Amino acid sequence: MSKRGDKVTLQKLREVRLAQGKSQTFMAKKLGYKYPSGYANIEMGRTKPSLEKAKQISEILGVDVNELFFEQLLHNMSKTKEVC
């Protein structure tokens, strides 16, 4: 995925979290991180979550994992298929 696609996905992750009034500290605790930076690093793009962590995040936020993390990638893949 392009850097731009990553940025859009991370921005959506942040927007959904904030819209629900959840803090990075709350998310970190729910995900089992010792410090809030564990989750903050995901949201800022410093680390990529495992598929399992992505599923946990989507469950906490009540949003489908594909919509939250893979929407841009799936969109790009469908465009590639049309060209082939």
PDB file of N, CA and C in Angstrom:
ATOM      1  N   MET A   1       0.846  -1.173   0.000  1.00  0.00           N
ATOM      2  CA  MET A   1       0.000   0.000   0.000  1.00  0.00           C
ATOM      3  C   MET A   1       0.889   1.233   0.000  1.00  0.00           C
ATOM      4  N   SER A   2       0.418   2.273  -0.649  1.00  0.00           N
ATOM      5  CA  SER A   2       1.193   3.502  -0.724  1.00  0.00           C
ATOM      6  C   SER A   2       1.194   4.219   0.617  1.00  0.00           C
ATOM      7  N   LYS A   3       2.139   5.133   0.765  1.00  0.00           N
ATOM      8  CA  LYS A   3       2.201   5.936   2.001  1.00  0.00           C
ATOM      9  C   LYS A   3       0.901   6.720   2.170  1.00  0.00           C
ATOM     10  N   ARG A   4       0.360   7.224   1.059  1.00  0.00           N
ATOM     11  CA  ARG A   4      -0.878   7.999   1.115  1.00  0.00           C
ATOM     12  C   ARG A   4      -2.026   7.128   1.630  1.00  0.00           C
ATOM     13  N   GLY A   5      -2.116   5.891   1.139  1.00  0.00           N
ATOM     14  CA  GLY A   5      -3.149   4.968   1.592  1.00  0.00           C
ATOM     15  C   GLY A   5      -3.027   4.675   3.070  1.00  0.00           C
ATOM     16  N   ASP A   6      -1.788   4.504   3.543  1.00  0.00           N
ATOM     17  CA  ASP A   6      -1.546   4.277   4.963  1.00  0.00           C
ATOM     18  C   ASP A   6      -2.031   5.469   5.775  1.00  0.00           C
ATOM     19  N   LYS A   7      -1.725   6.671   5.295  1.00  0.00           N
ATOM     20  CA  LYS A   7      -2.090   7.895   6.007  1.00  0.00           C
ATOM     21  C   LYS A   7      -3.610   8.036   6.108  1.00  0.00           C
ATOM     22  N   VAL A   8      -4.314   7.716   5.020  1.00  0.00           N
ATOM     23  CA  VAL A   8      -5.778   7.792   5.018  1.00  0.00           C
ATOM     24  C   VAL A   8      -6.352   6.808   6.023  1.00  0.00           C
ATOM     25  N   THR A   9      -5.834   5.581   6.053  1.00  0.00           N
ATOM     26  CA  THR A   9      -6.306   4.557   6.977  1.00  0.00           C
ATOM     27  C   THR A   9      -6.048   4.973   8.419  1.00  0.00           C
ATOM     28  N   LEU A  10      -4.858   5.479   8.702  1.00  0.00           N
ATOM     29  CA  LEU A  10      -4.522   5.901  10.062  1.00  0.00           C
ATOM     30  C   LEU A  10      -5.380   7.084  10.493  1.00  0.00           C
ATOM     31  N   GLN A  11      -5.657   7.995   9.578  1.00  0.00           N
ATOM     32  CA  GLN A  11      -6.503   9.145   9.890  1.00  0.00           C
ATOM     33  C   GLN A  11      -7.916   8.662  10.225  1.00  0.00           C
ATOM     34  N   LYS A  12      -8.404   7.674   9.475  1.00  0.00           N
ATOM     35  CA  LYS A  12      -9.735   7.139   9.745  1.00  0.00           C
ATOM     36  C   LYS A  12      -9.769   6.461  11.114  1.00  0.00           C
ATOM     37  N   LEU A  13      -8.728   5.722  11.440  1.00  0.00           N
ATOM     38  CA  LEU A  13      -8.630   5.067  12.738  1.00  0.00           C
ATOM     39  C   LEU A  13      -8.737   6.099  13.860  1.00  0.00           C
ATOM     40  N   ARG A  14      -7.991   7.171  13.740  1.00  0.00           N
ATOM     41  CA  ARG A  14      -8.018   8.244  14.742  1.00  0.00           C
ATOM     42  C   ARG A  14      -9.400   8.897  14.813  1.00  0.00           C
ATOM     43  N   GLU A  15      -9.986   9.194  13.646  1.00  0.00           N
ATOM     44  CA  GLU A  15     -11.298   9.858  13.606  1.00  0.00           C
ATOM     45  C   GLU A  15     -12.376   9.008  14.267  1.00  0.00           C
ATOM     46  N   VAL A  16     -12.374   7.708  13.991  1.00  0.00           N
ATOM     47  CA  VAL A  16     -13.370   6.812  14.584  1.00  0.00           C
ATOM     48  C   VAL A  16     -13.198   6.772  16.098  1.00  0.00           C
ATOM     49  N   ARG A  17     -11.954   6.646  16.544  1.00  0.00           N
ATOM     50  CA  ARG A  17     -11.679   6.595  17.990  1.00  0.00           C
ATOM     51  C   ARG A  17     -12.154   7.869  18.675  1.00  0.00           C
ATOM     52  N   LEU A  18     -11.802   9.013  18.110  1.00  0.00           N
ATOM     53  CA  LEU A  18     -12.183  10.291  18.712  1.00  0.00           C
ATOM     54  C   LEU A  18     -13.694  10.509  18.695  1.00  0.00           C
ATOM     55  N   ALA A  19     -14.345  10.093  17.619  1.00  0.00           N
ATOM     56  CA  ALA A  19     -15.799  10.246  17.513  1.00  0.00           C
ATOM     57  C   ALA A  19     -16.524   9.470  18.607  1.00  0.00           C
ATOM     58  N   GLN A  20     -15.899   8.399  19.059  1.00  0.00           N
ATOM     59  CA  GLN A  20     -16.486   7.587  20.123  1.00  0.00           C
ATOM     60  C   GLN A  20     -16.036   8.023  21.511  1.00  0.00           C
ATOM     61  N   GLY A  21     -15.199   9.059  21.570  1.00  0.00           N
ATOM     62  CA  GLY A  21     -14.750   9.584  22.854  1.00  0.00           C
ATOM     63  C   GLY A  21     -13.760   8.674  23.574  1.00  0.00           C
ATOM     64  N   LYS A  22     -13.089   7.832  22.825  1.00  0.00           N
ATOM     65  CA  LYS A  22     -12.119   6.911  23.432  1.00  0.00           C
ATOM     66  C   LYS A  22     -10.720   7.506  23.336  1.00  0.00           C
ATOM     67  N   SER A  23      -9.963   7.407  24.406  1.00  0.00           N
ATOM     68  CA  SER A  23      -8.597   7.931  24.431  1.00  0.00           C
ATOM     69  C   SER A  23      -7.608   6.874  23.962  1.00  0.00           C
ATOM     70  N   GLN A  24      -6.419   7.318  23.642  1.00  0.00           N
ATOM     71  CA  GLN A  24      -5.353   6.377  23.304  1.00  0.00           C
ATOM     72  C   GLN A  24      -5.013   5.508  24.512  1.00  0.00           C
ATOM     73  N   THR A  25      -5.102   6.072  25.693  1.00  0.00           N
ATOM     74  CA  THR A  25      -4.847   5.323  26.926  1.00  0.00           C
ATOM     75  C   THR A  25      -5.873   4.204  27.081  1.00  0.00           C
ATOM     76  N   PHE A  26      -7.143   4.513  26.845  1.00  0.00           N
ATOM     77  CA  PHE A  26      -8.207   3.507  26.910  1.00  0.00           C
ATOM     78  C   PHE A  26      -7.925   2.373  25.930  1.00  0.00           C
ATOM     79  N   MET A  27      -7.592   2.734  24.694  1.00  0.00           N
ATOM     80  CA  MET A  27      -7.327   1.730  23.655  1.00  0.00           C
ATOM     81  C   MET A  27      -6.138   0.856  24.054  1.00  0.00           C
ATOM     82  N   ALA A  28      -5.084   1.498  24.540  1.00  0.00           N
ATOM     83  CA  ALA A  28      -3.876   0.759  24.938  1.00  0.00           C
ATOM     84  C   ALA A  28      -4.196  -0.260  26.026  1.00  0.00           C
ATOM     85  N   LYS A  29      -4.972   0.153  27.019  1.00  0.00           N
ATOM     86  CA  LYS A  29      -5.326  -0.762  28.113  1.00  0.00           C
ATOM     87  C   LYS A  29      -6.159  -1.925  27.604  1.00  0.00           C
ATOM     88  N   LYS A  30      -7.139  -1.650  26.753  1.00  0.00           N
ATOM     89  CA  LYS A  30      -7.999  -2.694  26.201  1.00  0.00           C
ATOM     90  C   LYS A  30      -7.201  -3.696  25.367  1.00  0.00           C
ATOM     91  N   LEU A  31      -6.145  -3.216  24.713  1.00  0.00           N
ATOM     92  CA  LEU A  31      -5.321  -4.072  23.859  1.00  0.00           C
ATOM     93  C   LEU A  31      -4.204  -4.775  24.624  1.00  0.00           C
ATOM     94  N   GLY A  32      -4.062  -4.438  25.906  1.00  0.00           N
ATOM     95  CA  GLY A  32      -3.073  -5.109  26.740  1.00  0.00           C
ATOM     96  C   GLY A  32      -1.682  -4.487  26.708  1.00  0.00           C
ATOM     97  N   TYR A  33      -1.584  -3.263  26.208  1.00  0.00           N
ATOM     98  CA  TYR A  33      -0.283  -2.585  26.216  1.00  0.00           C
ATOM     99  C   TYR A  33      -0.015  -2.031  27.609  1.00  0.00           C
ATOM    100  N   LYS A  34       1.235  -2.021  27.996  1.00  0.00           N
ATOM    101  CA  LYS A  34       1.627  -1.508  29.302  1.00  0.00           C
ATOM    102  C   LYS A  34       1.554   0.020  29.335  1.00  0.00           C
ATOM    103  N   TYR A  35       1.860   0.650  28.192  1.00  0.00           N
ATOM    104  CA  TYR A  35       1.873   2.111  28.090  1.00  0.00           C
ATOM    105  C   TYR A  35       0.999   2.575  26.927  1.00  0.00           C
ATOM    106  N   PRO A  36       0.432   3.782  27.030  1.00  0.00           N
ATOM    107  CA  PRO A  36      -0.389   4.318  25.934  1.00  0.00           C
ATOM    108  C   PRO A  36       0.360   4.402  24.602  1.00  0.00           C
ATOM    109  N   SER A  37       1.669   4.534  24.660  1.00  0.00           N
ATOM    110  CA  SER A  37       2.453   4.649  23.430  1.00  0.00           C
ATOM    111  C   SER A  37       2.354   3.391  22.567  1.00  0.00           C
ATOM    112  N   GLY A  38       2.026   2.248  23.177  1.00  0.00           N
ATOM    113  CA  GLY A  38       1.857   1.022  22.410  1.00  0.00           C
ATOM    114  C   GLY A  38       0.788   1.177  21.348  1.00  0.00           C
ATOM    115  N   TYR A  39      -0.332   1.785  21.740  1.00  0.00           N
ATOM    116  CA  TYR A  39      -1.403   2.043  20.775  1.00  0.00           C
ATOM    117  C   TYR A  39      -1.095   3.283  19.937  1.00  0.00           C
ATOM    118  N   ALA A  40      -0.580   4.319  20.556  1.00  0.00           N
ATOM    119  CA  ALA A  40      -0.290   5.571  19.835  1.00  0.00           C
ATOM    120  C   ALA A  40       0.648   5.324  18.661  1.00  0.00           C
ATOM    121  N   ASN A  41       1.602   4.424  18.826  1.00  0.00           N
ATOM    122  CA  ASN A  41       2.530   4.110  17.744  1.00  0.00           C
ATOM    123  C   ASN A  41       1.824   3.496  16.542  1.00  0.00           C
ATOM    124  N   ILE A  42       0.772   2.746  16.779  1.00  0.00           N
ATOM    125  CA  ILE A  42      -0.023   2.196  15.674  1.00  0.00           C
ATOM    126  C   ILE A  42      -0.733   3.327  14.953  1.00  0.00           C
ATOM    127  N   GLU A  43      -1.387   4.180  15.721  1.00  0.00           N
ATOM    128  CA  GLU A  43      -2.166   5.269  15.142  1.00  0.00           C
ATOM    129  C   GLU A  43      -1.295   6.272  14.390  1.00  0.00           C
ATOM    130  N   MET A  44      -0.061   6.426  14.822  1.00  0.00           N
ATOM    131  CA  MET A  44       0.845   7.372  14.151  1.00  0.00           C
ATOM    132  C   MET A  44       1.638   6.722  13.016  1.00  0.00           C
ATOM    133  N   GLY A  45       1.460   5.429  12.826  1.00  0.00           N
ATOM    134  CA  GLY A  45       2.124   4.750  11.726  1.00  0.00           C
ATOM    135  C   GLY A  45       3.548   4.312  12.020  1.00  0.00           C
ATOM    136  N   ARG A  46       3.958   4.388  13.264  1.00  0.00           N
ATOM    137  CA  ARG A  46       5.316   3.958  13.634  1.00  0.00           C
ATOM    138  C   ARG A  46       5.437   2.442  13.664  1.00  0.00           C
ATOM    139  N   THR A  47       4.340   1.780  14.041  1.00  0.00           N
ATOM    140  CA  THR A  47       4.301   0.319  14.009  1.00  0.00           C
ATOM    141  C   THR A  47       3.011  -0.114  13.336  1.00  0.00           C
ATOM    142  N   LYS A  48       3.062  -1.270  12.689  1.00  0.00           N
ATOM    143  CA  LYS A  48       1.870  -1.812  12.045  1.00  0.00           C
ATOM    144  C   LYS A  48       1.301  -2.903  12.942  1.00  0.00           C
ATOM    145  N   PRO A  49      -0.010  -2.896  13.145  1.00  0.00           N
ATOM    146  CA  PRO A  49      -0.604  -3.917  14.008  1.00  0.00           C
ATOM    147  C   PRO A  49      -0.630  -5.273  13.315  1.00  0.00           C
ATOM    148  N   SER A  50      -0.525  -6.321  14.104  1.00  0.00           N
ATOM    149  CA  SER A  50      -0.724  -7.662  13.560  1.00  0.00           C
ATOM    150  C   SER A  50      -2.193  -7.779  13.176  1.00  0.00           C
ATOM    151  N   LEU A  51      -2.528  -8.802  12.425  1.00  0.00           N
ATOM    152  CA  LEU A  51      -3.927  -9.010  12.050  1.00  0.00           C
ATOM    153  C   LEU A  51      -4.776  -9.184  13.301  1.00  0.00           C
ATOM    154  N   GLU A  52      -4.233  -9.883  14.289  1.00  0.00           N
ATOM    155  CA  GLU A  52      -4.959 -10.101  15.541  1.00  0.00           C
ATOM    156  C   GLU A  52      -5.230  -8.764  16.256  1.00  0.00           C
ATOM    157  N   LYS A  53      -4.216  -7.891  16.334  1.00  0.00           N
ATOM    158  CA  LYS A  53      -4.410  -6.572  16.972  1.00  0.00           C
ATOM    159  C   LYS A  53      -5.403  -5.738  16.166  1.00  0.00           C
ATOM    160  N   ALA A  54      -5.327  -5.810  14.836  1.00  0.00           N
ATOM    161  CA  ALA A  54      -6.266  -5.064  13.988  1.00  0.00           C
ATOM    162  C   ALA A  54      -7.702  -5.519  14.264  1.00  0.00           C
ATOM    163  N   LYS A  55      -7.884  -6.822  14.423  1.00  0.00           N
ATOM    164  CA  LYS A  55      -9.217  -7.354  14.744  1.00  0.00           C
ATOM    165  C   LYS A  55      -9.679  -6.867  16.108  1.00  0.00           C
ATOM    166  N   GLN A  56      -8.769  -6.863  17.090  1.00  0.00           N
ATOM    167  CA  GLN A  56      -9.118  -6.385  18.438  1.00  0.00           C
ATOM    168  C   GLN A  56      -9.517  -4.910  18.393  1.00  0.00           C
ATOM    169  N   ILE A  57      -8.758  -4.112  17.668  1.00  0.00           N
ATOM    170  CA  ILE A  57      -9.058  -2.678  17.553  1.00  0.00           C
ATOM    171  C   ILE A  57     -10.431  -2.487  16.921  1.00  0.00           C
ATOM    172  N   SER A  58     -10.698  -3.223  15.853  1.00  0.00           N
ATOM    173  CA  SER A  58     -11.990  -3.077  15.173  1.00  0.00           C
ATOM    174  C   SER A  58     -13.145  -3.498  16.089  1.00  0.00           C
ATOM    175  N   GLU A  59     -12.931  -4.520  16.906  1.00  0.00           N
ATOM    176  CA  GLU A  59     -13.970  -4.950  17.850  1.00  0.00           C
ATOM    177  C   GLU A  59     -14.220  -3.883  18.914  1.00  0.00           C
ATOM    178  N   ILE A  60     -13.159  -3.297  19.442  1.00  0.00           N
ATOM    179  CA  ILE A  60     -13.297  -2.252  20.462  1.00  0.00           C
ATOM    180  C   ILE A  60     -14.054  -1.057  19.895  1.00  0.00           C
ATOM    181  N   LEU A  61     -13.762  -0.715  18.642  1.00  0.00           N
ATOM    182  CA  LEU A  61     -14.395   0.445  18.013  1.00  0.00           C
ATOM    183  C   LEU A  61     -15.727   0.106  17.341  1.00  0.00           C
ATOM    184  N   GLY A  62     -16.033  -1.180  17.226  1.00  0.00           N
ATOM    185  CA  GLY A  62     -17.298  -1.586  16.618  1.00  0.00           C
ATOM    186  C   GLY A  62     -17.363  -1.318  15.124  1.00  0.00           C
ATOM    187  N   VAL A  63     -16.217  -1.407  14.464  1.00  0.00           N
ATOM    188  CA  VAL A  63     -16.129  -1.162  13.023  1.00  0.00           C
ATOM    189  C   VAL A  63     -15.481  -2.379  12.376  1.00  0.00           C
ATOM    190  N   ASP A  64     -15.984  -2.775  11.208  1.00  0.00           N
ATOM    191  CA  ASP A  64     -15.424  -3.930  10.512  1.00  0.00           C
ATOM    192  C   ASP A  64     -13.941  -3.721  10.242  1.00  0.00           C
ATOM    193  N   VAL A  65     -13.152  -4.757  10.478  1.00  0.00           N
ATOM    194  CA  VAL A  65     -11.697  -4.670  10.316  1.00  0.00           C
ATOM    195  C   VAL A  65     -11.322  -4.264   8.892  1.00  0.00           C
ATOM    196  N   ASN A  66     -12.050  -4.755   7.900  1.00  0.00           N
ATOM    197  CA  ASN A  66     -11.744  -4.400   6.510  1.00  0.00           C
ATOM    198  C   ASN A  66     -11.970  -2.919   6.240  1.00  0.00           C
ATOM    199  N   GLU A  67     -13.059  -2.388   6.772  1.00  0.00           N
ATOM    200  CA  GLU A  67     -13.364  -0.966   6.587  1.00  0.00           C
ATOM    201  C   GLU A  67     -12.328  -0.083   7.284  1.00  0.00           C
ATOM    202  N   LEU A  68     -11.902  -0.526   8.450  1.00  0.00           N
ATOM    203  CA  LEU A  68     -10.992   0.276   9.258  1.00  0.00           C
ATOM    204  C   LEU A  68      -9.550   0.224   8.762  1.00  0.00           C
ATOM    205  N   PHE A  69      -9.095  -0.938   8.317  1.00  0.00           N
ATOM    206  CA  PHE A  69      -7.685  -1.091   7.971  1.00  0.00           C
ATOM    207  C   PHE A  69      -7.393  -1.378   6.506  1.00  0.00           C
ATOM    208  N   PHE A  70      -8.340  -1.965   5.780  1.00  0.00           N
ATOM    209  CA  PHE A  70      -8.010  -2.462   4.453  1.00  0.00           C
ATOM    210  C   PHE A  70      -8.807  -1.844   3.318  1.00  0.00           C
ATOM    211  N   GLU A  71      -9.657  -0.892   3.595  1.00  0.00           N
ATOM    212  CA  GLU A  71     -10.527  -0.324   2.568  1.00  0.00           C
ATOM    213  C   GLU A  71      -9.739   0.183   1.365  1.00  0.00           C
ATOM    214  N   GLN A  72      -8.700   0.965   1.599  1.00  0.00           N
ATOM    215  CA  GLN A  72      -7.908   1.536   0.515  1.00  0.00           C
ATOM    216  C   GLN A  72      -7.196   0.433  -0.271  1.00  0.00           C
ATOM    217  N   LEU A  73      -6.654  -0.556   0.404  1.00  0.00           N
ATOM    218  CA  LEU A  73      -5.951  -1.647  -0.260  1.00  0.00           C
ATOM    219  C   LEU A  73      -6.911  -2.431  -1.153  1.00  0.00           C
ATOM    220  N   LEU A  74      -8.102  -2.748  -0.651  1.00  0.00           N
ATOM    221  CA  LEU A  74      -9.070  -3.498  -1.439  1.00  0.00           C
ATOM    222  C   LEU A  74      -9.521  -2.690  -2.646  1.00  0.00           C
ATOM    223  N   HIS A  75      -9.702  -1.404  -2.469  1.00  0.00           N
ATOM    224  CA  HIS A  75     -10.086  -0.525  -3.569  1.00  0.00           C
ATOM    225  C   HIS A  75      -9.012  -0.536  -4.647  1.00  0.00           C
ATOM    226  N   ASN A  76      -7.755  -0.418  -4.262  1.00  0.00           N
ATOM    227  CA  ASN A  76      -6.653  -0.431  -5.225  1.00  0.00           C
ATOM    228  C   ASN A  76      -6.558  -1.774  -5.935  1.00  0.00           C
ATOM    229  N   MET A  77      -6.783  -2.862  -5.216  1.00  0.00           N
ATOM    230  CA  MET A  77      -6.713  -4.184  -5.818  1.00  0.00           C
ATOM    231  C   MET A  77      -7.805  -4.359  -6.865  1.00  0.00           C
ATOM    232  N   SER A  78      -8.990  -3.854  -6.616  1.00  0.00           N
ATOM    233  CA  SER A  78     -10.090  -4.009  -7.577  1.00  0.00           C
ATOM    234  C   SER A  78      -9.787  -3.191  -8.837  1.00  0.00           C
ATOM    235  N   LYS A  79      -9.150  -2.058  -8.697  1.00  0.00           N
ATOM    236  CA  LYS A  79      -8.770  -1.267  -9.860  1.00  0.00           C
ATOM    237  C   LYS A  79      -7.742  -2.026 -10.707  1.00  0.00           C
ATOM    238  N   THR A  80      -6.810  -2.692 -10.057  1.00  0.00           N
ATOM    239  CA  THR A  80      -5.777  -3.454 -10.757  1.00  0.00           C
ATOM    240  C   THR A  80      -6.412  -4.600 -11.541  1.00  0.00           C
ATOM    241  N   LYS A  81      -7.401  -5.267 -10.959  1.00  0.00           N
ATOM    242  CA  LYS A  81      -8.069  -6.378 -11.628  1.00  0.00           C
ATOM    243  C   LYS A  81      -8.756  -5.917 -12.909  1.00  0.00           C
ATOM    244  N   GLU A  82      -9.379  -4.746 -12.873  1.00  0.00           N
ATOM    245  CA  GLU A  82     -10.089  -4.232 -14.043  1.00  0.00           C
ATOM    246  C   GLU A  82      -9.154  -4.002 -15.204  1.00  0.00           C
ATOM    247  N   VAL A  83      -7.925  -3.595 -14.923  1.00  0.00           N
ATOM    248  CA  VAL A  83      -6.947  -3.281 -15.961  1.00  0.00           C
ATOM    249  C   VAL A  83      -6.424  -4.552 -16.628  1.00  0.00           C
ATOM    250  N   CYS A  84      -6.272  -5.624 -15.849  1.00  0.00           N
ATOM    251  CA  CYS A  84      -5.697  -6.870 -16.365  1.00  0.00           C
ATOM    252  C   CYS A  84      -6.523  -7.532 -17.425  1.00  0.00           C
TER     253      CYS A  84
END
